[in-house]
């Protein structure tokens, strides 16, 4: 008969579960967004352009002297 302390608890068994779930979800999202990257009108290119524009506006606003 095994000692109770040597058995793993259910919490220990699921310690890496969320990491795998995040990996699967992020991979699926990247695949869905990256599938249509053939032209400049794909969702991912629009998202990248939106981030570029937001950063340009932010850096322009922060460059003003106070």
N, C-alpha and C. Protein backbone atom coordinates (compact mmCIF):
# COMPACT_ATOMS: atom_id res chain seq x y z
N UNK A 1 0.84 -1.18 0.00
CA UNK A 1 0.00 0.00 0.00
C UNK A 1 0.89 1.24 0.00
N UNK A 2 0.58 2.17 -0.88
CA UNK A 2 1.41 3.37 -1.00
C UNK A 2 1.08 4.36 0.12
N UNK A 3 2.08 5.10 0.46
CA UNK A 3 1.91 6.15 1.46
C UNK A 3 1.08 7.28 0.85
N UNK A 4 0.23 7.88 1.62
CA UNK A 4 -0.65 8.95 1.14
C UNK A 4 0.13 10.15 0.63
N UNK A 5 1.28 10.44 1.22
CA UNK A 5 2.08 11.59 0.79
C UNK A 5 2.74 11.36 -0.56
N UNK A 6 2.89 10.12 -0.98
CA UNK A 6 3.54 9.84 -2.26
C UNK A 6 2.57 9.95 -3.43
N UNK A 7 1.28 9.91 -3.17
CA UNK A 7 0.30 10.06 -4.23
C UNK A 7 0.18 11.53 -4.60
N UNK A 8 -0.02 11.81 -5.86
CA UNK A 8 -0.16 13.19 -6.27
C UNK A 8 -1.59 13.66 -6.05
N UNK A 9 -1.71 14.90 -5.68
CA UNK A 9 -3.05 15.45 -5.46
C UNK A 9 -3.63 15.89 -6.79
N UNK A 10 -4.95 16.06 -6.88
CA UNK A 10 -5.56 16.51 -8.14
C UNK A 10 -5.05 17.87 -8.58
N UNK A 11 -4.71 18.74 -7.63
CA UNK A 11 -4.19 20.06 -7.99
C UNK A 11 -2.84 19.94 -8.68
N UNK A 12 -2.02 18.99 -8.24
CA UNK A 12 -0.71 18.80 -8.86
C UNK A 12 -0.85 18.22 -10.26
N UNK A 13 -1.85 17.41 -10.47
CA UNK A 13 -2.06 16.81 -11.79
C UNK A 13 -2.45 17.84 -12.83
N UNK A 14 -3.10 18.92 -12.40
CA UNK A 14 -3.59 19.92 -13.34
C UNK A 14 -2.72 21.17 -13.35
N UNK A 15 -1.52 21.10 -12.83
CA UNK A 15 -0.67 22.29 -12.72
C UNK A 15 -0.32 22.87 -14.09
N UNK A 16 -0.10 22.05 -15.10
CA UNK A 16 0.26 22.55 -16.41
C UNK A 16 -0.90 22.63 -17.38
N UNK A 17 -2.10 22.36 -16.92
CA UNK A 17 -3.27 22.32 -17.79
C UNK A 17 -3.55 23.67 -18.44
N UNK A 18 -3.49 24.76 -17.68
CA UNK A 18 -3.84 26.06 -18.24
C UNK A 18 -2.82 26.51 -19.29
N UNK A 19 -1.56 26.15 -19.11
CA UNK A 19 -0.54 26.52 -20.10
C UNK A 19 -0.84 25.87 -21.45
N UNK A 20 -1.23 24.62 -21.43
CA UNK A 20 -1.57 23.92 -22.67
C UNK A 20 -2.81 24.53 -23.30
N UNK A 21 -3.80 24.87 -22.48
CA UNK A 21 -5.02 25.48 -23.02
C UNK A 21 -4.72 26.83 -23.67
N UNK A 22 -3.90 27.67 -23.02
CA UNK A 22 -3.52 28.95 -23.60
C UNK A 22 -2.76 28.75 -24.91
N UNK A 23 -1.88 27.78 -24.94
CA UNK A 23 -1.12 27.50 -26.16
C UNK A 23 -2.03 27.09 -27.30
N UNK A 24 -3.00 26.25 -27.03
CA UNK A 24 -3.93 25.79 -28.06
C UNK A 24 -4.78 26.96 -28.57
N UNK A 25 -5.30 27.76 -27.66
CA UNK A 25 -6.16 28.89 -28.05
C UNK A 25 -5.37 29.93 -28.84
N UNK A 26 -4.17 30.27 -28.38
CA UNK A 26 -3.36 31.25 -29.09
C UNK A 26 -2.91 30.73 -30.45
N UNK A 27 -2.61 29.46 -30.53
CA UNK A 27 -2.23 28.88 -31.82
C UNK A 27 -3.40 28.90 -32.80
N UNK A 28 -4.58 28.57 -32.31
CA UNK A 28 -5.77 28.59 -33.18
C UNK A 28 -6.07 30.01 -33.64
N UNK A 29 -5.94 30.98 -32.75
CA UNK A 29 -6.19 32.38 -33.10
C UNK A 29 -5.17 32.87 -34.13
N UNK A 30 -3.91 32.54 -33.93
CA UNK A 30 -2.87 32.93 -34.89
C UNK A 30 -3.11 32.29 -36.24
N UNK A 31 -3.56 31.04 -36.24
CA UNK A 31 -3.85 30.35 -37.50
C UNK A 31 -5.02 31.00 -38.22
N UNK A 32 -6.07 31.31 -37.49
CA UNK A 32 -7.25 31.93 -38.11
C UNK A 32 -6.91 33.30 -38.66
N UNK A 33 -6.14 34.09 -37.91
CA UNK A 33 -5.79 35.43 -38.38
C UNK A 33 -4.75 35.38 -39.50
N UNK A 34 -3.87 34.40 -39.47
CA UNK A 34 -2.80 34.34 -40.44
C UNK A 34 -3.15 33.64 -41.73
N UNK A 35 -4.27 32.96 -41.79
CA UNK A 35 -4.64 32.23 -43.00
C UNK A 35 -4.85 33.17 -44.18
N UNK A 36 -5.47 34.29 -43.94
CA UNK A 36 -5.79 35.20 -45.03
C UNK A 36 -4.76 36.27 -45.27
N UNK A 37 -3.49 36.02 -44.99
CA UNK A 37 -2.46 37.05 -45.15
C UNK A 37 -1.95 37.15 -46.58
N UNK A 38 -2.77 36.78 -47.53
CA UNK A 38 -2.35 36.81 -48.92
C UNK A 38 -2.29 38.24 -49.45
N UNK A 39 -3.25 39.05 -49.07
CA UNK A 39 -3.29 40.43 -49.55
C UNK A 39 -3.22 41.39 -48.36
N UNK A 40 -3.24 42.68 -48.67
CA UNK A 40 -3.14 43.71 -47.62
C UNK A 40 -4.45 43.94 -46.89
N UNK A 41 -5.53 43.34 -47.31
CA UNK A 41 -6.82 43.53 -46.67
C UNK A 41 -7.16 42.43 -45.66
N UNK A 42 -6.19 41.61 -45.29
CA UNK A 42 -6.46 40.55 -44.33
C UNK A 42 -6.65 41.14 -42.94
N UNK A 43 -7.26 40.38 -42.09
CA UNK A 43 -7.55 40.84 -40.73
C UNK A 43 -6.27 41.12 -39.97
N UNK A 44 -5.27 40.28 -40.13
CA UNK A 44 -4.02 40.46 -39.40
C UNK A 44 -3.29 41.71 -39.86
N UNK A 45 -3.26 41.99 -41.15
CA UNK A 45 -2.62 43.21 -41.63
C UNK A 45 -3.36 44.45 -41.15
N UNK A 46 -4.68 44.39 -41.11
CA UNK A 46 -5.45 45.52 -40.59
C UNK A 46 -5.16 45.75 -39.11
N UNK A 47 -5.00 44.67 -38.35
CA UNK A 47 -4.67 44.78 -36.94
C UNK A 47 -3.28 45.36 -36.75
N UNK A 48 -2.32 44.92 -37.56
CA UNK A 48 -0.96 45.46 -37.48
C UNK A 48 -0.95 46.94 -37.84
N UNK A 49 -1.67 47.33 -38.88
CA UNK A 49 -1.76 48.74 -39.26
C UNK A 49 -2.41 49.58 -38.17
N UNK A 50 -3.42 49.03 -37.51
CA UNK A 50 -4.07 49.76 -36.41
C UNK A 50 -3.10 49.98 -35.26
N UNK A 51 -2.29 48.98 -34.93
CA UNK A 51 -1.29 49.15 -33.88
C UNK A 51 -0.24 50.17 -34.28
N UNK A 52 0.18 50.16 -35.55
CA UNK A 52 1.16 51.14 -36.03
C UNK A 52 0.60 52.57 -35.91
N UNK A 53 -0.63 52.75 -36.35
CA UNK A 53 -1.26 54.06 -36.29
C UNK A 53 -1.42 54.54 -34.86
N UNK A 54 -1.85 53.65 -33.98
CA UNK A 54 -2.02 54.02 -32.57
C UNK A 54 -0.68 54.40 -31.95
N UNK A 55 0.38 53.66 -32.28
CA UNK A 55 1.70 53.97 -31.73
C UNK A 55 2.22 55.30 -32.28
N UNK A 56 1.99 55.57 -33.56
CA UNK A 56 2.41 56.84 -34.14
C UNK A 56 1.70 58.00 -33.47
N UNK A 57 0.40 57.87 -33.24
CA UNK A 57 -0.35 58.93 -32.57
C UNK A 57 0.11 59.10 -31.13
N UNK A 58 0.39 58.01 -30.44
CA UNK A 58 0.85 58.06 -29.06
C UNK A 58 2.22 58.73 -28.98
N UNK A 59 3.15 58.33 -29.86
CA UNK A 59 4.49 58.91 -29.82
C UNK A 59 4.47 60.38 -30.22
N UNK A 60 3.58 60.75 -31.13
CA UNK A 60 3.43 62.16 -31.50
C UNK A 60 2.91 62.97 -30.33
N UNK A 61 1.91 62.45 -29.64
CA UNK A 61 1.33 63.18 -28.50
C UNK A 61 2.30 63.28 -27.34
N UNK A 62 3.10 62.26 -27.12
CA UNK A 62 4.01 62.29 -25.98
C UNK A 62 5.25 63.14 -26.28
N UNK A 63 5.52 63.42 -27.56
CA UNK A 63 6.69 64.21 -27.90
C UNK A 63 6.49 65.71 -27.68
N UNK A 64 5.25 66.13 -27.46
CA UNK A 64 5.00 67.54 -27.18
C UNK A 64 5.60 67.92 -25.83
N UNK A 65 6.25 69.07 -25.78
CA UNK A 65 6.76 69.52 -24.46
C UNK A 65 5.61 69.95 -23.57
N UNK A 66 5.79 69.79 -22.30
CA UNK A 66 4.71 70.16 -21.37
C UNK A 66 4.79 71.59 -20.93
